[in-house]
């Protein structure tokens, strides 16, 4: 890898980590109905694992109701089984053509549990960022060893990598604070 592209590559990987955390947060249930809660659940559909969003229309006609309408009516029971097997904690109501998921009000205990899950996901993302930083630092040190960088350039590169890491960790903290606020709002 060219040393000039190192920071860009690290930032791209850090962006992916941030996006992965946003996706994980979207799947954490708040008191509101959100298609993100179920869209990535996989269903065994004609022998192929298929995400619900790829085989059904997911709508939120009310703030506390999700409606899943598979394009193939024969898949309703398969989607229902997948929803029951997932750990979202909501039992779907089927009318043969659609599935309705009434989103219950969260108890304080459940809110705290979800908040812990959000913190754990954030910590995993921070570890991923630190691993990206470590890999970048190692690459920069190898470049200095191979005389691609001077000692001063190495020092500047390591500082830049640290600043980038600090910025993304602050972004993750902001995302966590926003999610916790959302979870704790009754």
N, C-alpha and C. Protein backbone atom coordinates (compact mmCIF):
# COMPACT_ATOMS: atom_id res chain seq x y z
N UNK A 1 0.86 -1.19 0.00
CA UNK A 1 0.00 0.00 0.00
C UNK A 1 0.89 1.24 0.00
N UNK A 2 0.51 2.18 -0.81
CA UNK A 2 1.27 3.43 -0.83
C UNK A 2 0.98 4.21 0.44
N UNK A 3 2.03 4.75 1.01
CA UNK A 3 1.92 5.42 2.30
C UNK A 3 1.05 6.68 2.19
N UNK A 4 0.97 7.30 1.02
CA UNK A 4 0.14 8.50 0.84
C UNK A 4 -1.35 8.18 1.01
N UNK A 5 -1.69 6.96 0.69
CA UNK A 5 -3.10 6.56 0.75
C UNK A 5 -3.48 5.95 2.09
N UNK A 6 -2.52 5.83 3.00
CA UNK A 6 -2.77 5.17 4.27
C UNK A 6 -3.90 5.83 5.07
N UNK A 7 -3.84 7.15 5.22
CA UNK A 7 -4.88 7.84 6.01
C UNK A 7 -6.25 7.70 5.37
N UNK A 8 -6.31 7.80 4.04
CA UNK A 8 -7.60 7.64 3.34
C UNK A 8 -8.16 6.24 3.58
N UNK A 9 -7.29 5.25 3.49
CA UNK A 9 -7.72 3.86 3.70
C UNK A 9 -8.22 3.66 5.13
N UNK A 10 -7.49 4.21 6.10
CA UNK A 10 -7.90 4.08 7.50
C UNK A 10 -9.23 4.77 7.73
N UNK A 11 -9.40 5.97 7.16
CA UNK A 11 -10.66 6.69 7.36
C UNK A 11 -11.82 5.93 6.74
N UNK A 12 -11.60 5.33 5.58
CA UNK A 12 -12.66 4.55 4.93
C UNK A 12 -13.09 3.38 5.83
N UNK A 13 -12.10 2.69 6.42
CA UNK A 13 -12.42 1.58 7.32
C UNK A 13 -13.14 2.07 8.58
N UNK A 14 -12.74 3.23 9.09
CA UNK A 14 -13.40 3.78 10.27
C UNK A 14 -14.84 4.19 9.95
N UNK A 15 -15.06 4.72 8.74
CA UNK A 15 -16.43 5.06 8.32
C UNK A 15 -17.31 3.81 8.28
N UNK A 16 -16.74 2.72 7.77
CA UNK A 16 -17.49 1.46 7.70
C UNK A 16 -17.87 0.98 9.11
N UNK A 17 -16.94 1.15 10.05
CA UNK A 17 -17.21 0.76 11.43
C UNK A 17 -18.35 1.60 12.00
N UNK A 18 -18.32 2.90 11.72
CA UNK A 18 -19.38 3.80 12.20
C UNK A 18 -20.73 3.41 11.58
N UNK A 19 -20.74 3.10 10.29
CA UNK A 19 -21.98 2.68 9.63
C UNK A 19 -22.50 1.36 10.21
N UNK A 20 -21.60 0.45 10.53
CA UNK A 20 -22.01 -0.83 11.13
C UNK A 20 -22.67 -0.59 12.49
N UNK A 21 -22.15 0.37 13.25
CA UNK A 21 -22.76 0.69 14.54
C UNK A 21 -24.15 1.31 14.34
N UNK A 22 -24.29 2.18 13.34
CA UNK A 22 -25.60 2.78 13.06
C UNK A 22 -26.61 1.69 12.70
N UNK A 23 -26.17 0.71 11.91
CA UNK A 23 -27.05 -0.40 11.54
C UNK A 23 -27.44 -1.22 12.77
N UNK A 24 -26.48 -1.46 13.65
CA UNK A 24 -26.78 -2.21 14.88
C UNK A 24 -27.77 -1.44 15.74
N UNK A 25 -27.61 -0.12 15.83
CA UNK A 25 -28.52 0.69 16.61
C UNK A 25 -29.92 0.69 16.01
N UNK A 26 -30.01 0.66 14.70
CA UNK A 26 -31.33 0.67 14.05
C UNK A 26 -32.12 -0.58 14.42
N UNK A 27 -31.42 -1.67 14.66
CA UNK A 27 -32.11 -2.92 15.00
C UNK A 27 -32.50 -2.98 16.48
N UNK A 28 -31.98 -2.07 17.30
CA UNK A 28 -32.39 -2.03 18.71
C UNK A 28 -33.75 -1.37 18.79
N UNK A 29 -34.66 -2.04 19.42
CA UNK A 29 -36.04 -1.57 19.45
C UNK A 29 -36.23 -0.45 20.46
N UNK A 30 -36.78 0.64 19.99
CA UNK A 30 -37.21 1.69 20.90
C UNK A 30 -38.72 1.52 21.03
N UNK A 31 -39.42 2.50 21.47
CA UNK A 31 -40.86 2.36 21.60
C UNK A 31 -41.61 2.61 20.30
N UNK A 32 -40.86 2.97 19.25
CA UNK A 32 -41.49 3.31 17.97
C UNK A 32 -41.30 2.19 16.96
N UNK A 33 -42.24 2.06 16.04
CA UNK A 33 -42.13 1.07 14.98
C UNK A 33 -41.13 1.57 13.93
N UNK A 34 -40.22 0.71 13.52
CA UNK A 34 -39.23 1.06 12.51
C UNK A 34 -38.96 -0.17 11.66
N UNK A 35 -39.02 -0.03 10.33
CA UNK A 35 -38.74 -1.18 9.46
C UNK A 35 -37.35 -1.77 9.71
N UNK A 36 -36.41 -0.96 10.18
CA UNK A 36 -35.05 -1.45 10.45
C UNK A 36 -35.05 -2.56 11.50
N UNK A 37 -36.10 -2.62 12.30
CA UNK A 37 -36.20 -3.63 13.34
C UNK A 37 -36.26 -5.05 12.76
N UNK A 38 -36.88 -5.20 11.60
CA UNK A 38 -37.09 -6.53 11.03
C UNK A 38 -36.49 -6.74 9.65
N UNK A 39 -36.07 -5.69 8.97
CA UNK A 39 -35.71 -5.83 7.56
C UNK A 39 -34.53 -6.76 7.29
N UNK A 40 -33.63 -6.94 8.25
CA UNK A 40 -32.47 -7.81 8.03
C UNK A 40 -32.62 -9.22 8.59
N UNK A 41 -33.79 -9.54 9.11
CA UNK A 41 -34.04 -10.90 9.58
C UNK A 41 -34.14 -11.80 8.35
N UNK A 42 -33.46 -12.95 8.41
CA UNK A 42 -33.46 -13.83 7.24
C UNK A 42 -34.52 -14.92 7.37
N UNK A 43 -35.09 -15.26 6.22
CA UNK A 43 -36.14 -16.26 6.12
C UNK A 43 -35.66 -17.32 5.14
N UNK A 44 -35.88 -18.57 5.48
CA UNK A 44 -35.55 -19.66 4.55
C UNK A 44 -36.65 -19.67 3.49
N UNK A 45 -36.34 -19.17 2.30
CA UNK A 45 -37.32 -18.97 1.24
C UNK A 45 -36.88 -19.75 0.01
N UNK A 46 -37.58 -20.83 -0.30
CA UNK A 46 -37.22 -21.74 -1.38
C UNK A 46 -35.77 -22.21 -1.25
N UNK A 47 -35.38 -22.54 -0.01
CA UNK A 47 -34.05 -23.06 0.24
C UNK A 47 -32.94 -22.03 0.28
N UNK A 48 -33.28 -20.77 0.13
CA UNK A 48 -32.27 -19.70 0.13
C UNK A 48 -32.54 -18.74 1.28
N UNK A 49 -31.54 -18.44 2.12
CA UNK A 49 -31.75 -17.45 3.17
C UNK A 49 -31.96 -16.07 2.52
N UNK A 50 -33.12 -15.48 2.78
CA UNK A 50 -33.49 -14.21 2.17
C UNK A 50 -33.90 -13.22 3.25
N UNK A 51 -33.43 -11.98 3.14
CA UNK A 51 -33.83 -10.97 4.11
C UNK A 51 -35.29 -10.57 3.86
N UNK A 52 -35.97 -10.23 4.93
CA UNK A 52 -37.39 -9.87 4.81
C UNK A 52 -37.57 -8.69 3.85
N UNK A 53 -36.66 -7.71 3.92
CA UNK A 53 -36.81 -6.54 3.05
C UNK A 53 -36.71 -6.89 1.57
N UNK A 54 -36.10 -8.05 1.24
CA UNK A 54 -35.97 -8.46 -0.15
C UNK A 54 -37.15 -9.29 -0.64
N UNK A 55 -38.09 -9.60 0.27
CA UNK A 55 -39.20 -10.46 -0.13
C UNK A 55 -40.57 -9.93 0.31
N UNK A 56 -40.57 -8.73 0.94
CA UNK A 56 -41.84 -8.22 1.46
C UNK A 56 -41.81 -6.70 1.54
N UNK A 57 -43.01 -6.16 1.62
CA UNK A 57 -43.18 -4.72 1.82
C UNK A 57 -43.34 -4.50 3.32
N UNK A 58 -42.51 -3.62 3.90
CA UNK A 58 -42.58 -3.34 5.33
C UNK A 58 -43.03 -1.90 5.51
N UNK A 59 -44.17 -1.72 6.19
CA UNK A 59 -44.69 -0.36 6.39
C UNK A 59 -44.98 -0.11 7.87
N UNK A 60 -45.12 1.17 8.20
CA UNK A 60 -45.48 1.57 9.56
C UNK A 60 -46.70 2.49 9.47
N UNK A 61 -47.89 1.91 9.40
CA UNK A 61 -49.09 2.73 9.28
C UNK A 61 -49.38 3.55 10.54
N UNK A 62 -48.90 3.08 11.68
CA UNK A 62 -49.07 3.80 12.95
C UNK A 62 -47.73 3.82 13.66
N UNK A 63 -47.60 4.67 14.65
CA UNK A 63 -46.33 4.81 15.37
C UNK A 63 -45.93 3.53 16.09
N UNK A 64 -46.90 2.70 16.47
CA UNK A 64 -46.59 1.48 17.22
C UNK A 64 -46.99 0.21 16.47
N UNK A 65 -46.98 0.25 15.14
CA UNK A 65 -47.39 -0.93 14.37
C UNK A 65 -46.52 -1.07 13.12
N UNK A 66 -46.01 -2.28 12.95
CA UNK A 66 -45.29 -2.64 11.73
C UNK A 66 -46.16 -3.61 10.95
N UNK A 67 -46.26 -3.43 9.65
CA UNK A 67 -47.01 -4.35 8.81
C UNK A 67 -46.06 -4.90 7.75
N UNK A 68 -45.98 -6.23 7.70
CA UNK A 68 -45.13 -6.91 6.72
C UNK A 68 -46.04 -7.65 5.76
N UNK A 69 -45.92 -7.32 4.48
CA UNK A 69 -46.75 -7.96 3.46
C UNK A 69 -45.83 -8.62 2.44
N UNK A 70 -45.61 -9.95 2.57
CA UNK A 70 -44.76 -10.65 1.59
C UNK A 70 -45.40 -10.60 0.21
N UNK A 71 -44.53 -10.49 -0.80
CA UNK A 71 -45.04 -10.43 -2.17
C UNK A 71 -45.61 -11.78 -2.58
N UNK A 72 -45.11 -12.85 -2.00
CA UNK A 72 -45.62 -14.19 -2.24
C UNK A 72 -46.41 -14.60 -1.00
N UNK A 73 -47.73 -14.72 -1.14
CA UNK A 73 -48.59 -15.01 0.02
C UNK A 73 -48.23 -16.33 0.70
N UNK A 74 -47.62 -17.25 -0.04
CA UNK A 74 -47.26 -18.54 0.57
C UNK A 74 -46.09 -18.39 1.55
N UNK A 75 -45.42 -17.25 1.53
CA UNK A 75 -44.26 -17.04 2.40
C UNK A 75 -44.64 -16.47 3.76
N UNK A 76 -45.91 -16.14 3.98
CA UNK A 76 -46.33 -15.51 5.24
C UNK A 76 -45.95 -16.37 6.44
N UNK A 77 -46.21 -17.66 6.36
CA UNK A 77 -45.90 -18.53 7.51
C UNK A 77 -44.39 -18.63 7.74
N UNK A 78 -43.61 -18.62 6.66
CA UNK A 78 -42.15 -18.68 6.81
C UNK A 78 -41.62 -17.41 7.47
N UNK A 79 -42.16 -16.27 7.06
CA UNK A 79 -41.75 -15.00 7.66
C UNK A 79 -42.14 -14.98 9.14
N UNK A 80 -43.34 -15.48 9.43
CA UNK A 80 -43.81 -15.52 10.82
C UNK A 80 -42.87 -16.38 11.68
N UNK A 81 -42.46 -17.54 11.16
CA UNK A 81 -41.54 -18.41 11.90
C UNK A 81 -40.20 -17.71 12.14
N UNK A 82 -39.71 -17.02 11.13
CA UNK A 82 -38.43 -16.31 11.25
C UNK A 82 -38.53 -15.20 12.29
N UNK A 83 -39.65 -14.50 12.33
CA UNK A 83 -39.85 -13.43 13.32
C UNK A 83 -39.90 -14.00 14.73
N UNK A 84 -40.58 -15.14 14.88
CA UNK A 84 -40.66 -15.77 16.19
C UNK A 84 -39.29 -16.28 16.64
N UNK A 85 -38.49 -16.76 15.69
CA UNK A 85 -37.16 -17.29 16.01
C UNK A 85 -36.15 -16.18 16.31
N UNK A 86 -36.40 -14.98 15.78
CA UNK A 86 -35.48 -13.87 16.04
C UNK A 86 -35.67 -13.40 17.48
N UNK A 87 -34.77 -12.56 17.96
CA UNK A 87 -34.87 -12.15 19.36
C UNK A 87 -35.43 -10.74 19.52
N UNK A 88 -36.38 -10.36 18.66
CA UNK A 88 -36.94 -9.00 18.77
C UNK A 88 -37.99 -8.90 19.88
N UNK A 89 -38.50 -10.03 20.32
CA UNK A 89 -39.44 -10.00 21.44
C UNK A 89 -40.84 -9.53 21.10
N UNK A 90 -41.24 -9.67 19.84
CA UNK A 90 -42.58 -9.26 19.42
C UNK A 90 -43.23 -10.45 18.71
N UNK A 91 -44.45 -10.76 19.09
CA UNK A 91 -45.18 -11.85 18.45
C UNK A 91 -46.03 -11.28 17.31
N UNK A 92 -45.81 -11.77 16.08
CA UNK A 92 -46.59 -11.26 14.95
C UNK A 92 -48.03 -11.81 14.95
N UNK A 93 -48.94 -11.01 14.40
CA UNK A 93 -50.33 -11.41 14.25
C UNK A 93 -50.58 -11.57 12.76
N UNK A 94 -50.99 -12.76 12.34
CA UNK A 94 -51.15 -13.05 10.92
C UNK A 94 -52.63 -13.11 10.52
N UNK A 95 -52.92 -12.56 9.34
CA UNK A 95 -54.28 -12.70 8.79
C UNK A 95 -54.24 -13.53 7.50
N UNK A 96 -53.12 -14.20 7.25
CA UNK A 96 -52.99 -15.04 6.06
C UNK A 96 -52.31 -14.34 4.91
N UNK A 97 -52.43 -13.01 4.84
CA UNK A 97 -51.80 -12.24 3.76
C UNK A 97 -50.72 -11.31 4.28
N UNK A 98 -50.93 -10.79 5.48
CA UNK A 98 -49.97 -9.86 6.08
C UNK A 98 -49.67 -10.26 7.51
N UNK A 99 -48.58 -9.71 8.01
CA UNK A 99 -48.22 -9.91 9.42
C UNK A 99 -48.20 -8.54 10.08
N UNK A 100 -48.84 -8.44 11.21
CA UNK A 100 -48.84 -7.18 11.95
C UNK A 100 -48.03 -7.40 13.22
N UNK A 101 -47.13 -6.46 13.49
CA UNK A 101 -46.31 -6.52 14.70
C UNK A 101 -46.62 -5.31 15.56
N UNK A 102 -47.47 -5.49 16.57
CA UNK A 102 -47.74 -4.36 17.48
C UNK A 102 -46.52 -4.16 18.39
N UNK A 103 -45.99 -2.96 18.40
CA UNK A 103 -44.81 -2.65 19.20
C UNK A 103 -45.27 -2.25 20.60
N UNK A 104 -44.98 -3.09 21.60
CA UNK A 104 -45.44 -2.76 22.96
C UNK A 104 -44.59 -1.64 23.57
N UNK A 105 -45.15 -0.99 24.56
CA UNK A 105 -44.42 0.03 25.32
C UNK A 105 -43.28 -0.67 26.05
N UNK A 106 -42.12 -0.05 26.08
CA UNK A 106 -40.97 -0.65 26.75
C UNK A 106 -41.02 -0.40 28.24
N UNK A 107 -40.72 -1.45 29.02
CA UNK A 107 -40.63 -1.28 30.46
C UNK A 107 -39.27 -0.64 30.78
N UNK A 108 -39.15 -0.09 31.98
CA UNK A 108 -37.89 0.54 32.37
C UNK A 108 -36.75 -0.48 32.35
N UNK A 109 -37.06 -1.71 32.78
CA UNK A 109 -36.05 -2.76 32.80
C UNK A 109 -35.57 -3.08 31.38
N UNK A 110 -36.51 -3.16 30.44
CA UNK A 110 -36.17 -3.46 29.04
C UNK A 110 -35.37 -2.30 28.44
N UNK A 111 -35.72 -1.07 28.79
CA UNK A 111 -34.97 0.09 28.31
C UNK A 111 -33.52 0.02 28.76
N UNK A 112 -33.32 -0.35 30.04
CA UNK A 112 -31.96 -0.45 30.57
C UNK A 112 -31.19 -1.59 29.89
N UNK A 113 -31.86 -2.68 29.62
CA UNK A 113 -31.24 -3.80 28.93
C UNK A 113 -30.81 -3.40 27.52
N UNK A 114 -31.68 -2.68 26.81
CA UNK A 114 -31.35 -2.21 25.46
C UNK A 114 -30.20 -1.21 25.51
N UNK A 115 -30.19 -0.38 26.54
CA UNK A 115 -29.11 0.59 26.70
C UNK A 115 -27.77 -0.13 26.89
N UNK A 116 -27.78 -1.23 27.66
CA UNK A 116 -26.57 -2.02 27.85
C UNK A 116 -26.12 -2.63 26.53
N UNK A 117 -27.08 -3.10 25.72
CA UNK A 117 -26.74 -3.65 24.41
C UNK A 117 -26.11 -2.58 23.53
N UNK A 118 -26.65 -1.37 23.59
CA UNK A 118 -26.11 -0.26 22.79
C UNK A 118 -24.68 0.06 23.24
N UNK A 119 -24.45 0.06 24.55
CA UNK A 119 -23.10 0.33 25.06
C UNK A 119 -22.13 -0.76 24.62
N UNK A 120 -22.58 -2.02 24.66
CA UNK A 120 -21.72 -3.13 24.25
C UNK A 120 -21.37 -3.02 22.76
N UNK A 121 -22.36 -2.68 21.94
CA UNK A 121 -22.10 -2.52 20.50
C UNK A 121 -21.13 -1.37 20.25
N UNK A 122 -21.27 -0.30 21.02
CA UNK A 122 -20.36 0.84 20.88
C UNK A 122 -18.95 0.43 21.28
N UNK A 123 -18.83 -0.33 22.34
CA UNK A 123 -17.50 -0.77 22.79
C UNK A 123 -16.84 -1.65 21.73
N UNK A 124 -17.64 -2.53 21.11
CA UNK A 124 -17.10 -3.37 20.03
C UNK A 124 -16.61 -2.51 18.87
N UNK A 125 -17.37 -1.46 18.54
CA UNK A 125 -16.97 -0.57 17.46
C UNK A 125 -15.68 0.18 17.82
N UNK A 126 -15.56 0.58 19.09
CA UNK A 126 -14.33 1.25 19.52
C UNK A 126 -13.12 0.32 19.40
N UNK A 127 -13.31 -0.94 19.76
CA UNK A 127 -12.23 -1.92 19.64
C UNK A 127 -11.84 -2.05 18.17
N UNK A 128 -12.84 -2.08 17.29
CA UNK A 128 -12.56 -2.16 15.85
C UNK A 128 -11.75 -0.95 15.39
N UNK A 129 -12.14 0.25 15.87
CA UNK A 129 -11.39 1.46 15.52
C UNK A 129 -9.95 1.38 16.01
N UNK A 130 -9.78 0.89 17.22
CA UNK A 130 -8.41 0.78 17.76
C UNK A 130 -7.59 -0.22 16.97
N UNK A 131 -8.22 -1.29 16.50
CA UNK A 131 -7.51 -2.26 15.66
C UNK A 131 -7.10 -1.63 14.34
N UNK A 132 -7.98 -0.82 13.77
CA UNK A 132 -7.66 -0.11 12.53
C UNK A 132 -6.47 0.82 12.78
N UNK A 133 -6.50 1.53 13.92
CA UNK A 133 -5.40 2.43 14.27
C UNK A 133 -4.09 1.65 14.40
N UNK A 134 -4.15 0.52 15.10
CA UNK A 134 -2.95 -0.30 15.29
C UNK A 134 -2.37 -0.74 13.95
N UNK A 135 -3.25 -1.21 13.04
CA UNK A 135 -2.78 -1.64 11.72
C UNK A 135 -2.15 -0.47 10.97
N UNK A 136 -2.75 0.71 11.06
CA UNK A 136 -2.20 1.89 10.41
C UNK A 136 -0.84 2.27 10.98
N UNK A 137 -0.73 2.22 12.30
CA UNK A 137 0.55 2.53 12.94
C UNK A 137 1.63 1.54 12.50
N UNK A 138 1.29 0.27 12.45
CA UNK A 138 2.26 -0.75 12.01
C UNK A 138 2.70 -0.50 10.58
N UNK A 139 1.75 -0.16 9.71
CA UNK A 139 2.08 0.11 8.32
C UNK A 139 3.02 1.32 8.22
N UNK A 140 2.73 2.36 8.99
CA UNK A 140 3.57 3.56 8.96
C UNK A 140 4.98 3.24 9.48
N UNK A 141 5.07 2.44 10.54
CA UNK A 141 6.39 2.09 11.09
C UNK A 141 7.19 1.24 10.11
N UNK A 142 6.51 0.33 9.39
CA UNK A 142 7.19 -0.47 8.36
C UNK A 142 7.70 0.43 7.25
N UNK A 143 6.89 1.42 6.87
CA UNK A 143 7.30 2.35 5.81
C UNK A 143 8.54 3.13 6.24
N UNK A 144 8.59 3.50 7.52
CA UNK A 144 9.77 4.23 8.01
C UNK A 144 10.98 3.30 8.00
N UNK A 145 10.78 2.05 8.36
CA UNK A 145 11.88 1.07 8.33
C UNK A 145 12.41 0.86 6.92
N UNK A 146 11.48 0.88 5.96
CA UNK A 146 11.85 0.68 4.55
C UNK A 146 12.29 1.98 3.88
N UNK A 147 12.49 3.01 4.67
CA UNK A 147 12.96 4.33 4.19
C UNK A 147 11.97 5.02 3.25
N UNK A 148 10.68 4.68 3.37
CA UNK A 148 9.66 5.40 2.60
C UNK A 148 9.25 6.67 3.33
N UNK A 149 9.46 6.70 4.65
CA UNK A 149 9.14 7.86 5.48
C UNK A 149 10.37 8.22 6.31
N UNK A 150 10.50 9.53 6.58
CA UNK A 150 11.55 9.95 7.52
C UNK A 150 10.99 9.82 8.93
N UNK A 151 11.85 9.99 9.91
CA UNK A 151 11.41 9.89 11.30
C UNK A 151 10.37 10.95 11.64
N UNK A 152 10.59 12.17 11.13
CA UNK A 152 9.63 13.26 11.37
C UNK A 152 8.29 12.98 10.69
N UNK A 153 8.35 12.45 9.46
CA UNK A 153 7.12 12.11 8.75
C UNK A 153 6.36 11.01 9.49
N UNK A 154 7.10 10.06 10.03
CA UNK A 154 6.47 8.98 10.81
C UNK A 154 5.75 9.56 12.02
N UNK A 155 6.42 10.47 12.73
CA UNK A 155 5.81 11.08 13.92
C UNK A 155 4.53 11.82 13.54
N UNK A 156 4.58 12.57 12.44
CA UNK A 156 3.39 13.31 11.97
C UNK A 156 2.28 12.33 11.57
N UNK A 157 2.67 11.25 10.88
CA UNK A 157 1.68 10.25 10.45
C UNK A 157 1.00 9.61 11.66
N UNK A 158 1.77 9.24 12.67
CA UNK A 158 1.19 8.62 13.87
C UNK A 158 0.25 9.60 14.58
N UNK A 159 0.61 10.89 14.61
CA UNK A 159 -0.28 11.91 15.21
C UNK A 159 -1.57 12.01 14.42
N UNK A 160 -1.46 12.03 13.09
CA UNK A 160 -2.65 12.13 12.24
C UNK A 160 -3.56 10.92 12.43
N UNK A 161 -2.96 9.74 12.53
CA UNK A 161 -3.76 8.52 12.75
C UNK A 161 -4.48 8.61 14.09
N UNK A 162 -3.80 9.10 15.12
CA UNK A 162 -4.42 9.23 16.44
C UNK A 162 -5.57 10.24 16.41
N UNK A 163 -5.37 11.37 15.71
CA UNK A 163 -6.43 12.39 15.60
C UNK A 163 -7.65 11.81 14.90
N UNK A 164 -7.41 11.05 13.85
CA UNK A 164 -8.50 10.41 13.10
C UNK A 164 -9.26 9.44 14.01
N UNK A 165 -8.52 8.65 14.76
CA UNK A 165 -9.14 7.69 15.68
C UNK A 165 -9.96 8.41 16.74
N UNK A 166 -9.39 9.47 17.31
CA UNK A 166 -10.10 10.24 18.34
C UNK A 166 -11.40 10.82 17.79
N UNK A 167 -11.34 11.32 16.56
CA UNK A 167 -12.54 11.91 15.94
C UNK A 167 -13.65 10.86 15.78
N UNK A 168 -13.28 9.67 15.32
CA UNK A 168 -14.30 8.63 15.11
C UNK A 168 -14.81 8.08 16.44
N UNK A 169 -13.97 8.01 17.45
CA UNK A 169 -14.44 7.56 18.77
C UNK A 169 -15.44 8.58 19.32
N UNK A 170 -15.18 9.87 19.10
CA UNK A 170 -16.13 10.91 19.53
C UNK A 170 -17.45 10.75 18.78
N UNK A 171 -17.39 10.42 17.49
CA UNK A 171 -18.61 10.19 16.71
C UNK A 171 -19.41 9.02 17.30
N UNK A 172 -18.71 7.94 17.67
CA UNK A 172 -19.39 6.77 18.25
C UNK A 172 -20.04 7.14 19.58
N UNK A 173 -19.33 7.93 20.39
CA UNK A 173 -19.90 8.37 21.67
C UNK A 173 -21.16 9.20 21.46
N UNK A 174 -21.14 10.07 20.44
CA UNK A 174 -22.31 10.90 20.13
C UNK A 174 -23.49 10.03 19.69
N UNK A 175 -23.19 9.02 18.87
CA UNK A 175 -24.25 8.10 18.43
C UNK A 175 -24.85 7.35 19.62
N UNK A 176 -23.99 6.91 20.54
CA UNK A 176 -24.46 6.20 21.73
C UNK A 176 -25.33 7.11 22.59
N UNK A 177 -24.90 8.35 22.79
CA UNK A 177 -25.67 9.28 23.62
C UNK A 177 -27.05 9.51 23.00
N UNK A 178 -27.09 9.65 21.68
CA UNK A 178 -28.37 9.87 20.99
C UNK A 178 -29.27 8.65 21.13
N UNK A 179 -28.70 7.44 20.99
CA UNK A 179 -29.50 6.21 21.09
C UNK A 179 -30.01 6.02 22.52
N UNK A 180 -29.15 6.29 23.51
CA UNK A 180 -29.60 6.15 24.90
C UNK A 180 -30.73 7.12 25.21
N UNK A 181 -30.62 8.33 24.70
CA UNK A 181 -31.69 9.32 24.90
C UNK A 181 -32.98 8.82 24.30
N UNK A 182 -32.87 8.27 23.08
CA UNK A 182 -34.02 7.72 22.38
C UNK A 182 -34.63 6.55 23.16
N UNK A 183 -33.78 5.68 23.70
CA UNK A 183 -34.26 4.52 24.45
C UNK A 183 -34.92 4.91 25.76
N UNK A 184 -34.38 5.89 26.42
CA UNK A 184 -34.88 6.26 27.76
C UNK A 184 -36.06 7.21 27.72
N UNK A 185 -36.40 7.75 26.53
CA UNK A 185 -37.56 8.62 26.41
C UNK A 185 -38.83 7.77 26.45
N UNK A 186 -39.71 8.09 27.37
CA UNK A 186 -40.94 7.31 27.52
C UNK A 186 -42.00 7.83 26.58
